[in-house]
Amino acid sequence: DNYKEDDSPKDVLTSEDLNRLSADLDEKINRLILGI
């Protein structure tokens, strides 16, 4: 009830950001597994 939008951190990741980071991490893991 006391939370204000202005109090939220400005560097919050969106779900789109998290999906992109997850895809990047998946690619890196695959490259590591393949040794490339």
PDB file of all heavy atoms in Angstrom:
ATOM      1  N   ASP A   1       0.820  -1.215   0.000  1.00  0.00           N
ATOM      2  CA  ASP A   1       0.000   0.000   0.000  1.00  0.00           C
ATOM      3  C   ASP A   1       0.853   1.263   0.000  1.00  0.00           C
ATOM      4  O   ASP A   1       0.474   2.283  -0.569  1.00  0.00           O
ATOM      5  CB  ASP A   1      -0.936   0.020   1.217  1.00  0.00           C
ATOM      6  CG  ASP A   1      -2.051  -1.004   1.105  1.00  0.00           C
ATOM      7  OD1 ASP A   1      -2.278  -1.530  -0.007  1.00  0.00           O
ATOM      8  OD2 ASP A   1      -2.681  -1.293   2.145  1.00  0.00           O
ATOM      9  N   ASN A   2       2.016   1.204   0.634  1.00  0.00           N
ATOM     10  CA  ASN A   2       2.889   2.374   0.730  1.00  0.00           C
ATOM     11  C   ASN A   2       3.907   2.460  -0.406  1.00  0.00           C
ATOM     12  O   ASN A   2       4.640   3.435  -0.498  1.00  0.00           O
ATOM     13  CB  ASN A   2       3.633   2.379   2.066  1.00  0.00           C
ATOM     14  CG  ASN A   2       2.694   2.578   3.228  1.00  0.00           C
ATOM     15  OD1 ASN A   2       1.684   3.261   3.118  1.00  0.00           O
ATOM     16  ND2 ASN A   2       3.009   1.961   4.347  1.00  0.00           N
ATOM     17  N   TYR A   3       3.961   1.445  -1.239  1.00  0.00           N
ATOM     18  CA  TYR A   3       4.918   1.404  -2.333  1.00  0.00           C
ATOM     19  C   TYR A   3       4.532   2.429  -3.394  1.00  0.00           C
ATOM     20  O   TYR A   3       3.389   2.534  -3.803  1.00  0.00           O
ATOM     21  CB  TYR A   3       4.942   0.007  -2.950  1.00  0.00           C
ATOM     22  CG  TYR A   3       5.928  -0.146  -4.071  1.00  0.00           C
ATOM     23  CD1 TYR A   3       7.275  -0.343  -3.817  1.00  0.00           C
ATOM     24  CD2 TYR A   3       5.509  -0.100  -5.393  1.00  0.00           C
ATOM     25  CE1 TYR A   3       8.184  -0.485  -4.847  1.00  0.00           C
ATOM     26  CE2 TYR A   3       6.405  -0.243  -6.432  1.00  0.00           C
ATOM     27  CZ  TYR A   3       7.735  -0.429  -6.151  1.00  0.00           C
ATOM     28  OH  TYR A   3       8.627  -0.568  -7.182  1.00  0.00           O
ATOM     29  N   LYS A   4       5.510   3.158  -3.842  1.00  0.00           N
ATOM     30  CA  LYS A   4       5.291   4.147  -4.901  1.00  0.00           C
ATOM     31  C   LYS A   4       6.162   3.764  -6.086  1.00  0.00           C
ATOM     32  O   LYS A   4       7.278   3.294  -5.923  1.00  0.00           O
ATOM     33  CB  LYS A   4       5.675   5.545  -4.412  1.00  0.00           C
ATOM     34  CG  LYS A   4       4.814   6.063  -3.295  1.00  0.00           C
ATOM     35  CD  LYS A   4       5.235   7.477  -2.929  1.00  0.00           C
ATOM     36  CE  LYS A   4       4.402   8.020  -1.812  1.00  0.00           C
ATOM     37  NZ  LYS A   4       4.866   7.698  -0.488  1.00  0.00           N
ATOM     38  N   GLU A   5       5.650   3.989  -7.261  1.00  0.00           N
ATOM     39  CA  GLU A   5       6.399   3.657  -8.465  1.00  0.00           C
ATOM     40  C   GLU A   5       7.742   4.377  -8.489  1.00  0.00           C
ATOM     41  O   GLU A   5       8.746   3.853  -8.954  1.00  0.00           O
ATOM     42  CB  GLU A   5       5.580   4.024  -9.711  1.00  0.00           C
ATOM     43  CG  GLU A   5       6.162   3.506 -11.004  1.00  0.00           C
ATOM     44  CD  GLU A   5       6.123   1.991 -11.102  1.00  0.00           C
ATOM     45  OE1 GLU A   5       5.192   1.375 -10.563  1.00  0.00           O
ATOM     46  OE2 GLU A   5       7.043   1.428 -11.717  1.00  0.00           O
ATOM     47  N   ASP A   6       7.790   5.596  -7.948  1.00  0.00           N
ATOM     48  CA  ASP A   6       9.037   6.366  -7.931  1.00  0.00           C
ATOM     49  C   ASP A   6      10.094   5.728  -7.042  1.00  0.00           C
ATOM     50  O   ASP A   6      11.278   6.009  -7.194  1.00  0.00           O
ATOM     51  CB  ASP A   6       8.775   7.799  -7.444  1.00  0.00           C
ATOM     52  CG  ASP A   6       7.888   8.566  -8.408  1.00  0.00           C
ATOM     53  OD1 ASP A   6       7.796   8.165  -9.574  1.00  0.00           O
ATOM     54  OD2 ASP A   6       7.283   9.563  -7.983  1.00  0.00           O
ATOM     55  N   ASP A   7       9.674   4.887  -6.103  1.00  0.00           N
ATOM     56  CA  ASP A   7      10.623   4.238  -5.198  1.00  0.00           C
ATOM     57  C   ASP A   7      11.296   3.027  -5.826  1.00  0.00           C
ATOM     58  O   ASP A   7      12.242   2.497  -5.276  1.00  0.00           O
ATOM     59  CB  ASP A   7       9.910   3.774  -3.917  1.00  0.00           C
ATOM     60  CG  ASP A   7       9.398   4.946  -3.097  1.00  0.00           C
ATOM     61  OD1 ASP A   7       9.916   6.070  -3.271  1.00  0.00           O
ATOM     62  OD2 ASP A   7       8.476   4.744  -2.286  1.00  0.00           O
ATOM     63  N   SER A   8      10.794   2.590  -6.961  1.00  0.00           N
ATOM     64  CA  SER A   8      11.336   1.381  -7.565  1.00  0.00           C
ATOM     65  C   SER A   8      12.724   1.661  -8.134  1.00  0.00           C
ATOM     66  O   SER A   8      13.010   2.753  -8.597  1.00  0.00           O
ATOM     67  CB  SER A   8      10.408   0.869  -8.657  1.00  0.00           C
ATOM     68  OG  SER A   8      10.335   1.801  -9.709  1.00  0.00           O
ATOM     69  N   PRO A   9      13.581   0.655  -8.107  1.00  0.00           N
ATOM     70  CA  PRO A   9      14.925   0.841  -8.670  1.00  0.00           C
ATOM     71  C   PRO A   9      14.842   1.145 -10.157  1.00  0.00           C
ATOM     72  O   PRO A   9      13.966   0.643 -10.855  1.00  0.00           O
ATOM     73  CB  PRO A   9      15.594  -0.515  -8.438  1.00  0.00           C
ATOM     74  CG  PRO A   9      14.746  -1.235  -7.465  1.00  0.00           C
ATOM     75  CD  PRO A   9      13.374  -0.648  -7.553  1.00  0.00           C
ATOM     76  N   LYS A  10      15.734   1.970 -10.620  1.00  0.00           N
ATOM     77  CA  LYS A  10      15.716   2.374 -12.028  1.00  0.00           C
ATOM     78  C   LYS A  10      16.379   1.338 -12.927  1.00  0.00           C
ATOM     79  O   LYS A  10      16.231   1.388 -14.134  1.00  0.00           O
ATOM     80  CB  LYS A  10      16.430   3.731 -12.198  1.00  0.00           C
ATOM     81  CG  LYS A  10      15.808   4.835 -11.379  1.00  0.00           C
ATOM     82  CD  LYS A  10      14.346   5.019 -11.703  1.00  0.00           C
ATOM     83  CE  LYS A  10      13.752   6.122 -10.851  1.00  0.00           C
ATOM     84  NZ  LYS A  10      12.364   5.951 -10.567  1.00  0.00           N
ATOM     85  N   ASP A  11      17.126   0.402 -12.346  1.00  0.00           N
ATOM     86  CA  ASP A  11      17.831  -0.580 -13.159  1.00  0.00           C
ATOM     87  C   ASP A  11      17.161  -1.955 -13.095  1.00  0.00           C
ATOM     88  O   ASP A  11      17.809  -2.977 -13.139  1.00  0.00           O
ATOM     89  CB  ASP A  11      19.293  -0.672 -12.737  1.00  0.00           C
ATOM     90  CG  ASP A  11      19.447  -1.037 -11.269  1.00  0.00           C
ATOM     91  OD1 ASP A  11      18.446  -1.011 -10.540  1.00  0.00           O
ATOM     92  OD2 ASP A  11      20.569  -1.354 -10.868  1.00  0.00           O
ATOM     93  N   VAL A  12      15.858  -1.975 -13.028  1.00  0.00           N
ATOM     94  CA  VAL A  12      15.110  -3.221 -12.984  1.00  0.00           C
ATOM     95  C   VAL A  12      15.117  -3.857 -14.370  1.00  0.00           C
ATOM     96  O   VAL A  12      14.929  -3.181 -15.374  1.00  0.00           O
ATOM     97  CB  VAL A  12      13.655  -2.957 -12.527  1.00  0.00           C
ATOM     98  CG1 VAL A  12      12.819  -4.214 -12.633  1.00  0.00           C
ATOM     99  CG2 VAL A  12      13.631  -2.411 -11.122  1.00  0.00           C
ATOM    100  N   LEU A  13      15.342  -5.156 -14.402  1.00  0.00           N
ATOM    101  CA  LEU A  13      15.334  -5.864 -15.670  1.00  0.00           C
ATOM    102  C   LEU A  13      13.907  -6.249 -16.035  1.00  0.00           C
ATOM    103  O   LEU A  13      13.135  -6.675 -15.188  1.00  0.00           O
ATOM    104  CB  LEU A  13      16.175  -7.143 -15.565  1.00  0.00           C
ATOM    105  CG  LEU A  13      17.666  -6.950 -15.358  1.00  0.00           C
ATOM    106  CD1 LEU A  13      18.337  -8.288 -15.115  1.00  0.00           C
ATOM    107  CD2 LEU A  13      18.284  -6.265 -16.552  1.00  0.00           C
ATOM    108  N   THR A  14      13.591  -6.114 -17.288  1.00  0.00           N
ATOM    109  CA  THR A  14      12.281  -6.534 -17.765  1.00  0.00           C
ATOM    110  C   THR A  14      12.349  -8.014 -18.132  1.00  0.00           C
ATOM    111  O   THR A  14      13.433  -8.597 -18.242  1.00  0.00           O
ATOM    112  CB  THR A  14      11.859  -5.722 -19.001  1.00  0.00           C
ATOM    113  OG1 THR A  14      12.774  -6.025 -20.061  1.00  0.00           O
ATOM    114  CG2 THR A  14      11.855  -4.232 -18.711  1.00  0.00           C
ATOM    115  N   SER A  15      11.197  -8.616 -18.351  1.00  0.00           N
ATOM    116  CA  SER A  15      11.193 -10.030 -18.749  1.00  0.00           C
ATOM    117  C   SER A  15      11.882 -10.189 -20.102  1.00  0.00           C
ATOM    118  O   SER A  15      12.533 -11.205 -20.357  1.00  0.00           O
ATOM    119  CB  SER A  15       9.770 -10.574 -18.789  1.00  0.00           C
ATOM    120  OG  SER A  15       9.003  -9.889 -19.732  1.00  0.00           O
ATOM    121  N   GLU A  16      11.767  -9.180 -20.950  1.00  0.00           N
ATOM    122  CA  GLU A  16      12.459  -9.220 -22.249  1.00  0.00           C
ATOM    123  C   GLU A  16      13.976  -9.240 -22.040  1.00  0.00           C
ATOM    124  O   GLU A  16      14.698  -9.996 -22.699  1.00  0.00           O
ATOM    125  CB  GLU A  16      12.053  -8.014 -23.090  1.00  0.00           C
ATOM    126  CG  GLU A  16      12.601  -8.033 -24.500  1.00  0.00           C
ATOM    127  CD  GLU A  16      12.095  -6.853 -25.313  1.00  0.00           C
ATOM    128  OE1 GLU A  16      10.862  -6.693 -25.411  1.00  0.00           O
ATOM    129  OE2 GLU A  16      12.951  -6.105 -25.834  1.00  0.00           O
ATOM    130  N   ASP A  17      14.468  -8.414 -21.107  1.00  0.00           N
ATOM    131  CA  ASP A  17      15.900  -8.394 -20.793  1.00  0.00           C
ATOM    132  C   ASP A  17      16.345  -9.761 -20.267  1.00  0.00           C
ATOM    133  O   ASP A  17      17.395 -10.278 -20.656  1.00  0.00           O
ATOM    134  CB  ASP A  17      16.216  -7.331 -19.738  1.00  0.00           C
ATOM    135  CG  ASP A  17      15.996  -5.916 -20.232  1.00  0.00           C
ATOM    136  OD1 ASP A  17      16.100  -5.685 -21.450  1.00  0.00           O
ATOM    137  OD2 ASP A  17      15.702  -5.043 -19.388  1.00  0.00           O
ATOM    138  N   LEU A  18      15.539 -10.330 -19.374  1.00  0.00           N
ATOM    139  CA  LEU A  18      15.881 -11.634 -18.799  1.00  0.00           C
ATOM    140  C   LEU A  18      15.879 -12.727 -19.864  1.00  0.00           C
ATOM    141  O   LEU A  18      16.760 -13.597 -19.853  1.00  0.00           O
ATOM    142  CB  LEU A  18      14.910 -11.988 -17.673  1.00  0.00           C
ATOM    143  CG  LEU A  18      15.019 -11.125 -16.426  1.00  0.00           C
ATOM    144  CD1 LEU A  18      13.912 -11.486 -15.439  1.00  0.00           C
ATOM    145  CD2 LEU A  18      16.382 -11.261 -15.769  1.00  0.00           C
ATOM    146  N   ASN A  19      14.921 -12.674 -20.778  1.00  0.00           N
ATOM    147  CA  ASN A  19      14.888 -13.660 -21.863  1.00  0.00           C
ATOM    148  C   ASN A  19      16.126 -13.543 -22.747  1.00  0.00           C
ATOM    149  O   ASN A  19      16.709 -14.549 -23.150  1.00  0.00           O
ATOM    150  CB  ASN A  19      13.619 -13.500 -22.707  1.00  0.00           C
ATOM    151  CG  ASN A  19      12.386 -13.970 -21.986  1.00  0.00           C
ATOM    152  OD1 ASN A  19      12.457 -14.778 -21.073  1.00  0.00           O
ATOM    153  ND2 ASN A  19      11.239 -13.450 -22.379  1.00  0.00           N
ATOM    154  N   ARG A  20      16.539 -12.300 -23.043  1.00  0.00           N
ATOM    155  CA  ARG A  20      17.731 -12.079 -23.867  1.00  0.00           C
ATOM    156  C   ARG A  20      18.979 -12.583 -23.144  1.00  0.00           C
ATOM    157  O   ARG A  20      19.821 -13.269 -23.727  1.00  0.00           O
ATOM    158  CB  ARG A  20      17.873 -10.599 -24.209  1.00  0.00           C
ATOM    159  CG  ARG A  20      19.009 -10.293 -25.176  1.00  0.00           C
ATOM    160  CD  ARG A  20      19.061  -8.836 -25.609  1.00  0.00           C
ATOM    161  NE  ARG A  20      18.535  -7.858 -24.681  1.00  0.00           N
ATOM    162  CZ  ARG A  20      19.189  -7.384 -23.601  1.00  0.00           C
ATOM    163  NH1 ARG A  20      20.387  -7.821 -23.318  1.00  0.00           N
ATOM    164  NH2 ARG A  20      18.639  -6.481 -22.823  1.00  0.00           N
ATOM    165  N   LEU A  21      19.086 -12.267 -21.852  1.00  0.00           N
ATOM    166  CA  LEU A  21      20.239 -12.723 -21.079  1.00  0.00           C
ATOM    167  C   LEU A  21      20.273 -14.244 -20.991  1.00  0.00           C
ATOM    168  O   LEU A  21      21.342 -14.858 -21.070  1.00  0.00           O
ATOM    169  CB  LEU A  21      20.203 -12.108 -19.678  1.00  0.00           C
ATOM    170  CG  LEU A  21      20.496 -10.612 -19.601  1.00  0.00           C
ATOM    171  CD1 LEU A  21      20.229 -10.097 -18.191  1.00  0.00           C
ATOM    172  CD2 LEU A  21      21.925 -10.325 -20.015  1.00  0.00           C
ATOM    173  N   SER A  22      19.101 -14.845 -20.828  1.00  0.00           N
ATOM    174  CA  SER A  22      19.016 -16.299 -20.770  1.00  0.00           C
ATOM    175  C   SER A  22      19.467 -16.918 -22.087  1.00  0.00           C
ATOM    176  O   SER A  22      20.217 -17.898 -22.102  1.00  0.00           O
ATOM    177  CB  SER A  22      17.582 -16.715 -20.450  1.00  0.00           C
ATOM    178  OG  SER A  22      17.460 -18.101 -20.471  1.00  0.00           O
ATOM    179  N   ALA A  23      19.038 -16.344 -23.206  1.00  0.00           N
ATOM    180  CA  ALA A  23      19.445 -16.851 -24.520  1.00  0.00           C
ATOM    181  C   ALA A  23      20.951 -16.703 -24.707  1.00  0.00           C
ATOM    182  O   ALA A  23      21.613 -17.624 -25.208  1.00  0.00           O
ATOM    183  CB  ALA A  23      18.690 -16.115 -25.616  1.00  0.00           C
ATOM    184  N   ASP A  24      21.503 -15.556 -24.287  1.00  0.00           N
ATOM    185  CA  ASP A  24      22.954 -15.343 -24.381  1.00  0.00           C
ATOM    186  C   ASP A  24      23.710 -16.374 -23.551  1.00  0.00           C
ATOM    187  O   ASP A  24      24.724 -16.915 -23.988  1.00  0.00           O
ATOM    188  CB  ASP A  24      23.331 -13.932 -23.922  1.00  0.00           C
ATOM    189  CG  ASP A  24      22.839 -12.843 -24.868  1.00  0.00           C
ATOM    190  OD1 ASP A  24      22.423 -13.176 -25.994  1.00  0.00           O
ATOM    191  OD2 ASP A  24      22.851 -11.666 -24.449  1.00  0.00           O
ATOM    192  N   LEU A  25      23.202 -16.633 -22.346  1.00  0.00           N
ATOM    193  CA  LEU A  25      23.849 -17.604 -21.469  1.00  0.00           C
ATOM    194  C   LEU A  25      23.750 -19.007 -22.058  1.00  0.00           C
ATOM    195  O   LEU A  25      24.720 -19.772 -22.018  1.00  0.00           O
ATOM    196  CB  LEU A  25      23.213 -17.554 -20.077  1.00  0.00           C
ATOM    197  CG  LEU A  25      23.857 -18.401 -19.003  1.00  0.00           C
ATOM    198  CD1 LEU A  25      25.332 -18.058 -18.832  1.00  0.00           C
ATOM    199  CD2 LEU A  25      23.129 -18.214 -17.685  1.00  0.00           C
ATOM    200  N   ASP A  26      22.597 -19.350 -22.623  1.00  0.00           N
ATOM    201  CA  ASP A  26      22.447 -20.654 -23.272  1.00  0.00           C
ATOM    202  C   ASP A  26      23.450 -20.819 -24.400  1.00  0.00           C
ATOM    203  O   ASP A  26      24.069 -21.877 -24.543  1.00  0.00           O
ATOM    204  CB  ASP A  26      21.029 -20.823 -23.827  1.00  0.00           C
ATOM    205  CG  ASP A  26      20.004 -21.101 -22.744  1.00  0.00           C
ATOM    206  OD1 ASP A  26      20.405 -21.435 -21.615  1.00  0.00           O
ATOM    207  OD2 ASP A  26      18.797 -20.950 -23.026  1.00  0.00           O
ATOM    208  N   GLU A  27      23.624 -19.771 -25.199  1.00  0.00           N
ATOM    209  CA  GLU A  27      24.589 -19.829 -26.303  1.00  0.00           C
ATOM    210  C   GLU A  27      26.006 -20.034 -25.778  1.00  0.00           C
ATOM    211  O   GLU A  27      26.770 -20.830 -26.318  1.00  0.00           O
ATOM    212  CB  GLU A  27      24.525 -18.553 -27.133  1.00  0.00           C
ATOM    213  CG  GLU A  27      23.278 -18.426 -27.976  1.00  0.00           C
ATOM    214  CD  GLU A  27      23.216 -17.101 -28.727  1.00  0.00           C
ATOM    215  OE1 GLU A  27      24.259 -16.456 -28.915  1.00  0.00           O
ATOM    216  OE2 GLU A  27      22.095 -16.718 -29.118  1.00  0.00           O
ATOM    217  N   LYS A  28      26.365 -19.305 -24.710  1.00  0.00           N
ATOM    218  CA  LYS A  28      27.711 -19.438 -24.137  1.00  0.00           C
ATOM    219  C   LYS A  28      27.924 -20.846 -23.584  1.00  0.00           C
ATOM    220  O   LYS A  28      28.975 -21.446 -23.789  1.00  0.00           O
ATOM    221  CB  LYS A  28      27.932 -18.403 -23.047  1.00  0.00           C
ATOM    222  CG  LYS A  28      29.325 -18.494 -22.434  1.00  0.00           C
ATOM    223  CD  LYS A  28      29.755 -17.185 -21.881  1.00  0.00           C
ATOM    224  CE  LYS A  28      31.142 -17.258 -21.308  1.00  0.00           C
ATOM    225  NZ  LYS A  28      32.162 -16.926 -22.276  1.00  0.00           N
ATOM    226  N   ILE A  29      26.915 -21.375 -22.904  1.00  0.00           N
ATOM    227  CA  ILE A  29      27.023 -22.732 -22.361  1.00  0.00           C
ATOM    228  C   ILE A  29      27.229 -23.729 -23.499  1.00  0.00           C
ATOM    229  O   ILE A  29      28.074 -24.622 -23.402  1.00  0.00           O
ATOM    230  CB  ILE A  29      25.776 -23.084 -21.526  1.00  0.00           C
ATOM    231  CG1 ILE A  29      25.784 -22.286 -20.222  1.00  0.00           C
ATOM    232  CG2 ILE A  29      25.704 -24.577 -21.239  1.00  0.00           C
ATOM    233  CD1 ILE A  29      24.489 -22.351 -19.438  1.00  0.00           C
ATOM    234  N   ASN A  30      26.466 -23.578 -24.570  1.00  0.00           N
ATOM    235  CA  ASN A  30      26.621 -24.484 -25.714  1.00  0.00           C
ATOM    236  C   ASN A  30      28.011 -24.378 -26.328  1.00  0.00           C
ATOM    237  O   ASN A  30      28.610 -25.386 -26.695  1.00  0.00           O
ATOM    238  CB  ASN A  30      25.543 -24.209 -26.768  1.00  0.00           C
ATOM    239  CG  ASN A  30      24.182 -24.690 -26.332  1.00  0.00           C
ATOM    240  OD1 ASN A  30      24.060 -25.601 -25.520  1.00  0.00           O
ATOM    241  ND2 ASN A  30      23.146 -24.067 -26.852  1.00  0.00           N
ATOM    242  N   ARG A  31      28.532 -23.158 -26.426  1.00  0.00           N
ATOM    243  CA  ARG A  31      29.894 -22.986 -26.966  1.00  0.00           C
ATOM    244  C   ARG A  31      30.920 -23.637 -26.045  1.00  0.00           C
ATOM    245  O   ARG A  31      31.873 -24.257 -26.517  1.00  0.00           O
ATOM    246  CB  ARG A  31      30.217 -21.507 -27.161  1.00  0.00           C
ATOM    247  CG  ARG A  31      29.485 -20.862 -28.319  1.00  0.00           C
ATOM    248  CD  ARG A  31      30.053 -19.495 -28.691  1.00  0.00           C
ATOM    249  NE  ARG A  31      30.195 -18.592 -27.563  1.00  0.00           N
ATOM    250  CZ  ARG A  31      29.273 -17.729 -27.149  1.00  0.00           C
ATOM    251  NH1 ARG A  31      28.117 -17.640 -27.797  1.00  0.00           N
ATOM    252  NH2 ARG A  31      29.475 -16.941 -26.121  1.00  0.00           N
ATOM    253  N   LEU A  32      30.725 -23.502 -24.738  1.00  0.00           N
ATOM    254  CA  LEU A  32      31.651 -24.121 -23.786  1.00  0.00           C
ATOM    255  C   LEU A  32      31.608 -25.640 -23.898  1.00  0.00           C
ATOM    256  O   LEU A  32      32.643 -26.312 -23.876  1.00  0.00           O
ATOM    257  CB  LEU A  32      31.316 -23.690 -22.356  1.00  0.00           C
ATOM    258  CG  LEU A  32      31.682 -22.268 -21.981  1.00  0.00           C
ATOM    259  CD1 LEU A  32      31.088 -21.906 -20.641  1.00  0.00           C
ATOM    260  CD2 LEU A  32      33.187 -22.101 -21.942  1.00  0.00           C
ATOM    261  N   ILE A  33      30.402 -26.188 -23.989  1.00  0.00           N
ATOM    262  CA  ILE A  33      30.250 -27.635 -24.095  1.00  0.00           C
ATOM    263  C   ILE A  33      30.927 -28.150 -25.359  1.00  0.00           C
ATOM    264  O   ILE A  33      31.600 -29.188 -25.343  1.00  0.00           O
ATOM    265  CB  ILE A  33      28.755 -28.028 -24.069  1.00  0.00           C
ATOM    266  CG1 ILE A  33      28.185 -27.770 -22.680  1.00  0.00           C
ATOM    267  CG2 ILE A  33      28.557 -29.480 -24.476  1.00  0.00           C
ATOM    268  CD1 ILE A  33      26.681 -27.906 -22.588  1.00  0.00           C
ATOM    269  N   LEU A  34      30.782 -27.418 -26.444  1.00  0.00           N
ATOM    270  CA  LEU A  34      31.378 -27.836 -27.713  1.00  0.00           C
ATOM    271  C   LEU A  34      32.867 -27.500 -27.796  1.00  0.00           C
ATOM    272  O   LEU A  34      33.559 -27.953 -28.693  1.00  0.00           O
ATOM    273  CB  LEU A  34      30.644 -27.160 -28.882  1.00  0.00           C
ATOM    274  CG  LEU A  34      29.182 -27.565 -29.053  1.00  0.00           C
ATOM    275  CD1 LEU A  34      28.528 -26.711 -30.133  1.00  0.00           C
ATOM    276  CD2 LEU A  34      29.079 -29.045 -29.401  1.00  0.00           C
ATOM    277  N   GLY A  35      33.356 -26.705 -26.839  1.00  0.00           N
ATOM    278  CA  GLY A  35      34.763 -26.334 -26.846  1.00  0.00           C
ATOM    279  C   GLY A  35      35.108 -25.300 -27.887  1.00  0.00           C
ATOM    280  O   GLY A  35      36.252 -25.220 -28.334  1.00  0.00           O
ATOM    281  N   ILE A  36      34.115 -24.501 -28.304  1.00  0.00           N
ATOM    282  CA  ILE A  36      34.386 -23.514 -29.350  1.00  0.00           C
ATOM    283  C   ILE A  36      34.294 -22.082 -28.844  1.00  0.00           C
ATOM    284  O   ILE A  36      34.310 -21.151 -29.635  1.00  0.00           O
ATOM    285  CB  ILE A  36      33.443 -23.708 -30.559  1.00  0.00           C
ATOM    286  CG1 ILE A  36      31.979 -23.619 -30.136  1.00  0.00           C
ATOM    287  CG2 ILE A  36      33.728 -25.015 -31.264  1.00  0.00           C
ATOM    288  CD1 ILE A  36      30.995 -23.663 -31.283  1.00  0.00           C
TER     289      ILE A  36
END
